[in-house]
Amino acid sequence: MILNLAVWFGLHVLFVRIVPMHFLGASVGVPVLSSVDVPSLVLAIAAAVAIFRFKMGMISVLLASAFAGMTYYLIVGSI
């Protein structure tokens, strides 16, 4: 269940459009690659690099990511 939620949130944060695909009676959301949200992708890659390459703690990366996301939203939202 946790993996399912992680994949669902990841798809809906990184891609603007998700198209449902039906296969053997199940429905799976497939992202449209051209609808990638570049700022979210850059932030996710930076967080992964900070955690896995520089061994930073989860709380500090979460706080830095939240601050970066809010700053981006305030700057771009005001334009």
PDB file of N, CA and C in Angstrom:
ATOM      1  N   MET A   1       0.824  -1.174   0.000  1.00  0.00           N
ATOM      2  CA  MET A   1       0.000   0.000   0.000  1.00  0.00           C
ATOM      3  C   MET A   1       0.884   1.260   0.000  1.00  0.00           C
ATOM      4  N   ILE A   2       1.968   1.248   0.755  1.00  0.00           N
ATOM      5  CA  ILE A   2       2.854   2.410   0.802  1.00  0.00           C
ATOM      6  C   ILE A   2       3.527   2.616  -0.555  1.00  0.00           C
ATOM      7  N   LEU A   3       3.952   1.532  -1.189  1.00  0.00           N
ATOM      8  CA  LEU A   3       4.563   1.638  -2.515  1.00  0.00           C
ATOM      9  C   LEU A   3       3.556   2.177  -3.529  1.00  0.00           C
ATOM     10  N   ASN A   4       2.323   1.719  -3.451  1.00  0.00           N
ATOM     11  CA  ASN A   4       1.281   2.198  -4.346  1.00  0.00           C
ATOM     12  C   ASN A   4       1.078   3.703  -4.183  1.00  0.00           C
ATOM     13  N   LEU A   5       1.015   4.184  -2.949  1.00  0.00           N
ATOM     14  CA  LEU A   5       0.857   5.617  -2.719  1.00  0.00           C
ATOM     15  C   LEU A   5       2.072   6.405  -3.209  1.00  0.00           C
ATOM     16  N   ALA A   6       3.261   5.867  -2.998  1.00  0.00           N
ATOM     17  CA  ALA A   6       4.480   6.557  -3.445  1.00  0.00           C
ATOM     18  C   ALA A   6       4.498   6.694  -4.966  1.00  0.00           C
ATOM     19  N   VAL A   7       4.119   5.624  -5.664  1.00  0.00           N
ATOM     20  CA  VAL A   7       4.086   5.679  -7.129  1.00  0.00           C
ATOM     21  C   VAL A   7       3.003   6.644  -7.594  1.00  0.00           C
ATOM     22  N   TRP A   8       1.822   6.592  -6.959  1.00  0.00           N
ATOM     23  CA  TRP A   8       0.719   7.473  -7.347  1.00  0.00           C
ATOM     24  C   TRP A   8       1.102   8.940  -7.166  1.00  0.00           C
ATOM     25  N   PHE A   9       1.648   9.287  -5.986  1.00  0.00           N
ATOM     26  CA  PHE A   9       2.046  10.676  -5.744  1.00  0.00           C
ATOM     27  C   PHE A   9       3.178  11.093  -6.679  1.00  0.00           C
ATOM     28  N   GLY A  10       4.139  10.209  -6.892  1.00  0.00           N
ATOM     29  CA  GLY A  10       5.244  10.525  -7.787  1.00  0.00           C
ATOM     30  C   GLY A  10       4.773  10.825  -9.199  1.00  0.00           C
ATOM     31  N   LEU A  11       3.871  10.010  -9.711  1.00  0.00           N
ATOM     32  CA  LEU A  11       3.347  10.241 -11.062  1.00  0.00           C
ATOM     33  C   LEU A  11       2.578  11.552 -11.149  1.00  0.00           C
ATOM     34  N   HIS A  12       1.759  11.834 -10.136  1.00  0.00           N
ATOM     35  CA  HIS A  12       0.925  13.031 -10.194  1.00  0.00           C
ATOM     36  C   HIS A  12       1.690  14.319  -9.882  1.00  0.00           C
ATOM     37  N   VAL A  13       2.844  14.209  -9.261  1.00  0.00           N
ATOM     38  CA  VAL A  13       3.669  15.391  -9.015  1.00  0.00           C
ATOM     39  C   VAL A  13       4.562  15.671 -10.220  1.00  0.00           C
ATOM     40  N   LEU A  14       5.140  14.636 -10.796  1.00  0.00           N
ATOM     41  CA  LEU A  14       6.110  14.825 -11.872  1.00  0.00           C
ATOM     42  C   LEU A  14       5.491  15.015 -13.255  1.00  0.00           C
ATOM     43  N   PHE A  15       4.238  14.587 -13.439  1.00  0.00           N
ATOM     44  CA  PHE A  15       3.601  14.687 -14.751  1.00  0.00           C
ATOM     45  C   PHE A  15       2.266  15.404 -14.632  1.00  0.00           C
ATOM     46  N   VAL A  16       1.988  16.264 -15.601  1.00  0.00           N
ATOM     47  CA  VAL A  16       0.736  17.013 -15.609  1.00  0.00           C
ATOM     48  C   VAL A  16      -0.403  16.122 -16.097  1.00  0.00           C
ATOM     49  N   ARG A  17      -0.135  15.285 -17.087  1.00  0.00           N
ATOM     50  CA  ARG A  17      -1.182  14.421 -17.653  1.00  0.00           C
ATOM     51  C   ARG A  17      -0.859  12.955 -17.413  1.00  0.00           C
ATOM     52  N   ILE A  18      -1.861  12.242 -16.900  1.00  0.00           N
ATOM     53  CA  ILE A  18      -1.786  10.799 -16.705  1.00  0.00           C
ATOM     54  C   ILE A  18      -2.947  10.191 -17.489  1.00  0.00           C
ATOM     55  N   VAL A  19      -2.656   9.241 -18.360  1.00  0.00           N
ATOM     56  CA  VAL A  19      -3.687   8.611 -19.188  1.00  0.00           C
ATOM     57  C   VAL A  19      -3.949   7.208 -18.637  1.00  0.00           C
ATOM     58  N   PRO A  20      -5.221   6.879 -18.365  1.00  0.00           N
ATOM     59  CA  PRO A  20      -5.505   5.519 -17.882  1.00  0.00           C
ATOM     60  C   PRO A  20      -5.359   4.498 -19.000  1.00  0.00           C
ATOM     61  N   MET A  21      -4.691   3.395 -18.687  1.00  0.00           N
ATOM     62  CA  MET A  21      -4.529   2.299 -19.642  1.00  0.00           C
ATOM     63  C   MET A  21      -5.139   1.055 -19.003  1.00  0.00           C
ATOM     64  N   HIS A  22      -5.993   0.380 -19.750  1.00  0.00           N
ATOM     65  CA  HIS A  22      -6.674  -0.804 -19.238  1.00  0.00           C
ATOM     66  C   HIS A  22      -5.990  -2.051 -19.778  1.00  0.00           C
ATOM     67  N   PHE A  23      -5.652  -2.969 -18.848  1.00  0.00           N
ATOM     68  CA  PHE A  23      -4.951  -4.190 -19.239  1.00  0.00           C
ATOM     69  C   PHE A  23      -5.412  -5.322 -18.331  1.00  0.00           C
ATOM     70  N   LEU A  24      -5.978  -6.335 -18.899  1.00  0.00           N
ATOM     71  CA  LEU A  24      -6.462  -7.518 -18.178  1.00  0.00           C
ATOM     72  C   LEU A  24      -7.407  -7.158 -17.031  1.00  0.00           C
ATOM     73  N   GLY A  25      -8.278  -6.214 -17.274  1.00  0.00           N
ATOM     74  CA  GLY A  25      -9.260  -5.830 -16.269  1.00  0.00           C
ATOM     75  C   GLY A  25      -8.769  -4.842 -15.228  1.00  0.00           C
ATOM     76  N   ALA A  26      -7.520  -4.461 -15.302  1.00  0.00           N
ATOM     77  CA  ALA A  26      -6.966  -3.486 -14.357  1.00  0.00           C
ATOM     78  C   ALA A  26      -6.706  -2.179 -15.090  1.00  0.00           C
ATOM     79  N   SER A  27      -6.801  -1.085 -14.362  1.00  0.00           N
ATOM     80  CA  SER A  27      -6.530   0.230 -14.927  1.00  0.00           C
ATOM     81  C   SER A  27      -5.239   0.775 -14.314  1.00  0.00           C
ATOM     82  N   VAL A  28      -4.323   1.175 -15.178  1.00  0.00           N
ATOM     83  CA  VAL A  28      -3.025   1.683 -14.740  1.00  0.00           C
ATOM     84  C   VAL A  28      -2.829   3.070 -15.343  1.00  0.00           C
ATOM     85  N   GLY A  29      -2.391   4.019 -14.525  1.00  0.00           N
ATOM     86  CA  GLY A  29      -2.112   5.359 -15.023  1.00  0.00           C
ATOM     87  C   GLY A  29      -0.748   5.424 -15.683  1.00  0.00           C
ATOM     88  N   VAL A  30      -0.718   5.826 -16.933  1.00  0.00           N
ATOM     89  CA  VAL A  30       0.532   5.943 -17.692  1.00  0.00           C
ATOM     90  C   VAL A  30       0.797   7.423 -17.944  1.00  0.00           C
ATOM     91  N   PRO A  31       1.965   7.918 -17.553  1.00  0.00           N
ATOM     92  CA  PRO A  31       2.236   9.346 -17.745  1.00  0.00           C
ATOM     93  C   PRO A  31       2.500   9.694 -19.205  1.00  0.00           C
ATOM     94  N   VAL A  32       2.091  10.893 -19.584  1.00  0.00           N
ATOM     95  CA  VAL A  32       2.424  11.440 -20.904  1.00  0.00           C
ATOM     96  C   VAL A  32       3.775  12.131 -20.733  1.00  0.00           C
ATOM     97  N   LEU A  33       4.806  11.586 -21.361  1.00  0.00           N
ATOM     98  CA  LEU A  33       6.172  12.061 -21.130  1.00  0.00           C
ATOM     99  C   LEU A  33       6.370  13.526 -21.497  1.00  0.00           C
ATOM    100  N   SER A  34       5.606  14.024 -22.458  1.00  0.00           N
ATOM    101  CA  SER A  34       5.752  15.424 -22.854  1.00  0.00           C
ATOM    102  C   SER A  34       5.136  16.375 -21.829  1.00  0.00           C
ATOM    103  N   SER A  35       4.443  15.852 -20.831  1.00  0.00           N
ATOM    104  CA  SER A  35       3.809  16.706 -19.832  1.00  0.00           C
ATOM    105  C   SER A  35       4.593  16.748 -18.518  1.00  0.00           C
ATOM    106  N   VAL A  36       5.879  16.466 -18.587  1.00  0.00           N
ATOM    107  CA  VAL A  36       6.695  16.465 -17.371  1.00  0.00           C
ATOM    108  C   VAL A  36       6.741  17.866 -16.760  1.00  0.00           C
ATOM    109  N   ASP A  37       6.652  17.937 -15.446  1.00  0.00           N
ATOM    110  CA  ASP A  37       6.748  19.203 -14.718  1.00  0.00           C
ATOM    111  C   ASP A  37       8.218  19.395 -14.340  1.00  0.00           C
ATOM    112  N   VAL A  38       8.924  20.210 -15.122  1.00  0.00           N
ATOM    113  CA  VAL A  38      10.380  20.346 -14.994  1.00  0.00           C
ATOM    114  C   VAL A  38      10.821  20.825 -13.609  1.00  0.00           C
ATOM    115  N   PRO A  39      10.200  21.858 -13.011  1.00  0.00           N
ATOM    116  CA  PRO A  39      10.644  22.270 -11.674  1.00  0.00           C
ATOM    117  C   PRO A  39      10.500  21.160 -10.625  1.00  0.00           C
ATOM    118  N   SER A  40       9.442  20.385 -10.696  1.00  0.00           N
ATOM    119  CA  SER A  40       9.270  19.282  -9.757  1.00  0.00           C
ATOM    120  C   SER A  40      10.309  18.198  -9.988  1.00  0.00           C
ATOM    121  N   LEU A  41      10.626  17.935 -11.244  1.00  0.00           N
ATOM    122  CA  LEU A  41      11.643  16.940 -11.567  1.00  0.00           C
ATOM    123  C   LEU A  41      13.021  17.368 -11.070  1.00  0.00           C
ATOM    124  N   VAL A  42      13.362  18.637 -11.268  1.00  0.00           N
ATOM    125  CA  VAL A  42      14.654  19.149 -10.797  1.00  0.00           C
ATOM    126  C   VAL A  42      14.740  19.058  -9.278  1.00  0.00           C
ATOM    127  N   LEU A  43      13.680  19.420  -8.589  1.00  0.00           N
ATOM    128  CA  LEU A  43      13.662  19.362  -7.127  1.00  0.00           C
ATOM    129  C   LEU A  43      13.778  17.919  -6.632  1.00  0.00           C
ATOM    130  N   ALA A  44      13.100  16.987  -7.295  1.00  0.00           N
ATOM    131  CA  ALA A  44      13.180  15.582  -6.901  1.00  0.00           C
ATOM    132  C   ALA A  44      14.581  15.015  -7.116  1.00  0.00           C
ATOM    133  N   ILE A  45      15.213  15.371  -8.229  1.00  0.00           N
ATOM    134  CA  ILE A  45      16.577  14.904  -8.496  1.00  0.00           C
ATOM    135  C   ILE A  45      17.548  15.502  -7.492  1.00  0.00           C
ATOM    136  N   ALA A  46      17.390  16.787  -7.189  1.00  0.00           N
ATOM    137  CA  ALA A  46      18.272  17.427  -6.199  1.00  0.00           C
ATOM    138  C   ALA A  46      18.112  16.780  -4.831  1.00  0.00           C
ATOM    139  N   ALA A  47      16.888  16.444  -4.448  1.00  0.00           N
ATOM    140  CA  ALA A  47      16.662  15.792  -3.155  1.00  0.00           C
ATOM    141  C   ALA A  47      17.282  14.398  -3.139  1.00  0.00           C
ATOM    142  N   ALA A  48      17.152  13.658  -4.234  1.00  0.00           N
ATOM    143  CA  ALA A  48      17.742  12.321  -4.300  1.00  0.00           C
ATOM    144  C   ALA A  48      19.262  12.387  -4.226  1.00  0.00           C
ATOM    145  N   VAL A  49      19.854  13.361  -4.914  1.00  0.00           N
ATOM    146  CA  VAL A  49      21.316  13.525  -4.861  1.00  0.00           C
ATOM    147  C   VAL A  49      21.756  13.895  -3.448  1.00  0.00           C
ATOM    148  N   ALA A  50      21.016  14.778  -2.804  1.00  0.00           N
ATOM    149  CA  ALA A  50      21.375  15.186  -1.437  1.00  0.00           C
ATOM    150  C   ALA A  50      21.312  14.006  -0.469  1.00  0.00           C
ATOM    151  N   ILE A  51      20.318  13.148  -0.641  1.00  0.00           N
ATOM    152  CA  ILE A  51      20.161  12.015   0.275  1.00  0.00           C
ATOM    153  C   ILE A  51      21.170  10.915  -0.017  1.00  0.00           C
ATOM    154  N   PHE A  52      21.290  10.506  -1.271  1.00  0.00           N
ATOM    155  CA  PHE A  52      22.104   9.338  -1.595  1.00  0.00           C
ATOM    156  C   PHE A  52      23.576   9.659  -1.842  1.00  0.00           C
ATOM    157  N   ARG A  53      23.882  10.803  -2.405  1.00  0.00           N
ATOM    158  CA  ARG A  53      25.287  11.135  -2.691  1.00  0.00           C
ATOM    159  C   ARG A  53      25.953  11.816  -1.503  1.00  0.00           C
ATOM    160  N   PHE A  54      25.264  12.790  -0.910  1.00  0.00           N
ATOM    161  CA  PHE A  54      25.863  13.568   0.171  1.00  0.00           C
ATOM    162  C   PHE A  54      25.432  13.099   1.552  1.00  0.00           C
ATOM    163  N   LYS A  55      24.610  12.034   1.611  1.00  0.00           N
ATOM    164  CA  LYS A  55      24.187  11.413   2.879  1.00  0.00           C
ATOM    165  C   LYS A  55      23.570  12.415   3.855  1.00  0.00           C
ATOM    166  N   MET A  56      22.796  13.354   3.335  1.00  0.00           N
ATOM    167  CA  MET A  56      22.113  14.323   4.191  1.00  0.00           C
ATOM    168  C   MET A  56      20.912  13.652   4.845  1.00  0.00           C
ATOM    169  N   GLY A  57      20.504  14.169   5.980  1.00  0.00           N
ATOM    170  CA  GLY A  57      19.376  13.609   6.703  1.00  0.00           C
ATOM    171  C   GLY A  57      18.051  13.920   6.023  1.00  0.00           C
ATOM    172  N   MET A  58      17.083  13.062   6.281  1.00  0.00           N
ATOM    173  CA  MET A  58      15.778  13.196   5.648  1.00  0.00           C
ATOM    174  C   MET A  58      15.079  14.493   6.045  1.00  0.00           C
ATOM    175  N   ILE A  59      15.160  14.875   7.316  1.00  0.00           N
ATOM    176  CA  ILE A  59      14.478  16.083   7.787  1.00  0.00           C
ATOM    177  C   ILE A  59      15.075  17.330   7.141  1.00  0.00           C
ATOM    178  N   SER A  60      16.402  17.413   7.066  1.00  0.00           N
ATOM    179  CA  SER A  60      17.020  18.594   6.469  1.00  0.00           C
ATOM    180  C   SER A  60      16.712  18.687   4.975  1.00  0.00           C
ATOM    181  N   VAL A  61      16.676  17.557   4.278  1.00  0.00           N
ATOM    182  CA  VAL A  61      16.336  17.557   2.856  1.00  0.00           C
ATOM    183  C   VAL A  61      14.869  17.935   2.668  1.00  0.00           C
ATOM    184  N   LEU A  62      14.008  17.436   3.531  1.00  0.00           N
ATOM    185  CA  LEU A  62      12.590  17.783   3.455  1.00  0.00           C
ATOM    186  C   LEU A  62      12.376  19.273   3.684  1.00  0.00           C
ATOM    187  N   LEU A  63      13.043  19.831   4.677  1.00  0.00           N
ATOM    188  CA  LEU A  63      12.915  21.263   4.947  1.00  0.00           C
ATOM    189  C   LEU A  63      13.474  22.106   3.794  1.00  0.00           C
ATOM    190  N   ALA A  64      14.627  21.721   3.278  1.00  0.00           N
ATOM    191  CA  ALA A  64      15.224  22.463   2.166  1.00  0.00           C
ATOM    192  C   ALA A  64      14.347  22.361   0.914  1.00  0.00           C
ATOM    193  N   SER A  65      13.774  21.187   0.661  1.00  0.00           N
ATOM    194  CA  SER A  65      12.901  21.013  -0.498  1.00  0.00           C
ATOM    195  C   SER A  65      11.630  21.837  -0.354  1.00  0.00           C
ATOM    196  N   ALA A  66      11.065  21.848   0.836  1.00  0.00           N
ATOM    197  CA  ALA A  66       9.858  22.648   1.074  1.00  0.00           C
ATOM    198  C   ALA A  66      10.151  24.130   0.881  1.00  0.00           C
ATOM    199  N   PHE A  67      11.282  24.582   1.400  1.00  0.00           N
ATOM    200  CA  PHE A  67      11.665  25.985   1.242  1.00  0.00           C
ATOM    201  C   PHE A  67      11.889  26.331  -0.231  1.00  0.00           C
ATOM    202  N   ALA A  68      12.581  25.449  -0.962  1.00  0.00           N
ATOM    203  CA  ALA A  68      12.833  25.690  -2.391  1.00  0.00           C
ATOM    204  C   ALA A  68      11.527  25.705  -3.176  1.00  0.00           C
ATOM    205  N   GLY A  69      10.627  24.789  -2.874  1.00  0.00           N
ATOM    206  CA  GLY A  69       9.344  24.748  -3.569  1.00  0.00           C
ATOM    207  C   GLY A  69       8.497  25.974  -3.288  1.00  0.00           C
ATOM    208  N   MET A  70       8.446  26.405  -2.036  1.00  0.00           N
ATOM    209  CA  MET A  70       7.667  27.598  -1.702  1.00  0.00           C
ATOM    210  C   MET A  70       8.283  28.843  -2.326  1.00  0.00           C
ATOM    211  N   THR A  71       9.598  28.951  -2.326  1.00  0.00           N
ATOM    212  CA  THR A  71      10.265  30.091  -2.937  1.00  0.00           C
ATOM    213  C   THR A  71       9.972  30.137  -4.435  1.00  0.00           C
ATOM    214  N   TYR A  72      10.077  28.992  -5.100  1.00  0.00           N
ATOM    215  CA  TYR A  72       9.767  28.945  -6.532  1.00  0.00           C
ATOM    216  C   TYR A  72       8.318  29.354  -6.776  1.00  0.00           C
ATOM    217  N   TYR A  73       7.393  28.832  -5.982  1.00  0.00           N
ATOM    218  CA  TYR A  73       5.976  29.167  -6.155  1.00  0.00           C
ATOM    219  C   TYR A  73       5.730  30.653  -5.950  1.00  0.00           C
ATOM    220  N   LEU A  74       6.362  31.244  -4.950  1.00  0.00           N
ATOM    221  CA  LEU A  74       6.158  32.669  -4.696  1.00  0.00           C
ATOM    222  C   LEU A  74       6.750  33.546  -5.797  1.00  0.00           C
ATOM    223  N   ILE A  75       7.902  33.144  -6.330  1.00  0.00           N
ATOM    224  CA  ILE A  75       8.547  33.931  -7.395  1.00  0.00           C
ATOM    225  C   ILE A  75       7.778  33.789  -8.707  1.00  0.00           C
ATOM    226  N   VAL A  76       7.449  32.575  -9.102  1.00  0.00           N
ATOM    227  CA  VAL A  76       6.761  32.363 -10.362  1.00  0.00           C
ATOM    228  C   VAL A  76       5.307  32.785 -10.257  1.00  0.00           C
ATOM    229  N   GLY A  77       4.681  32.593  -9.104  1.00  0.00           N
ATOM    230  CA  GLY A  77       3.291  32.981  -8.925  1.00  0.00           C
ATOM    231  C   GLY A  77       3.071  34.489  -8.945  1.00  0.00           C
ATOM    232  N   SER A  78       4.103  35.239  -8.606  1.00  0.00           N
ATOM    233  CA  SER A  78       3.968  36.697  -8.574  1.00  0.00           C
ATOM    234  C   SER A  78       4.212  37.326  -9.942  1.00  0.00           C
ATOM    235  N   ILE A  79       4.706  36.556 -10.900  1.00  0.00           N
ATOM    236  CA  ILE A  79       4.992  37.103 -12.235  1.00  0.00           C
ATOM    237  C   ILE A  79       3.742  37.106 -13.074  1.00  0.00           C
TER     238      ILE A  79
END
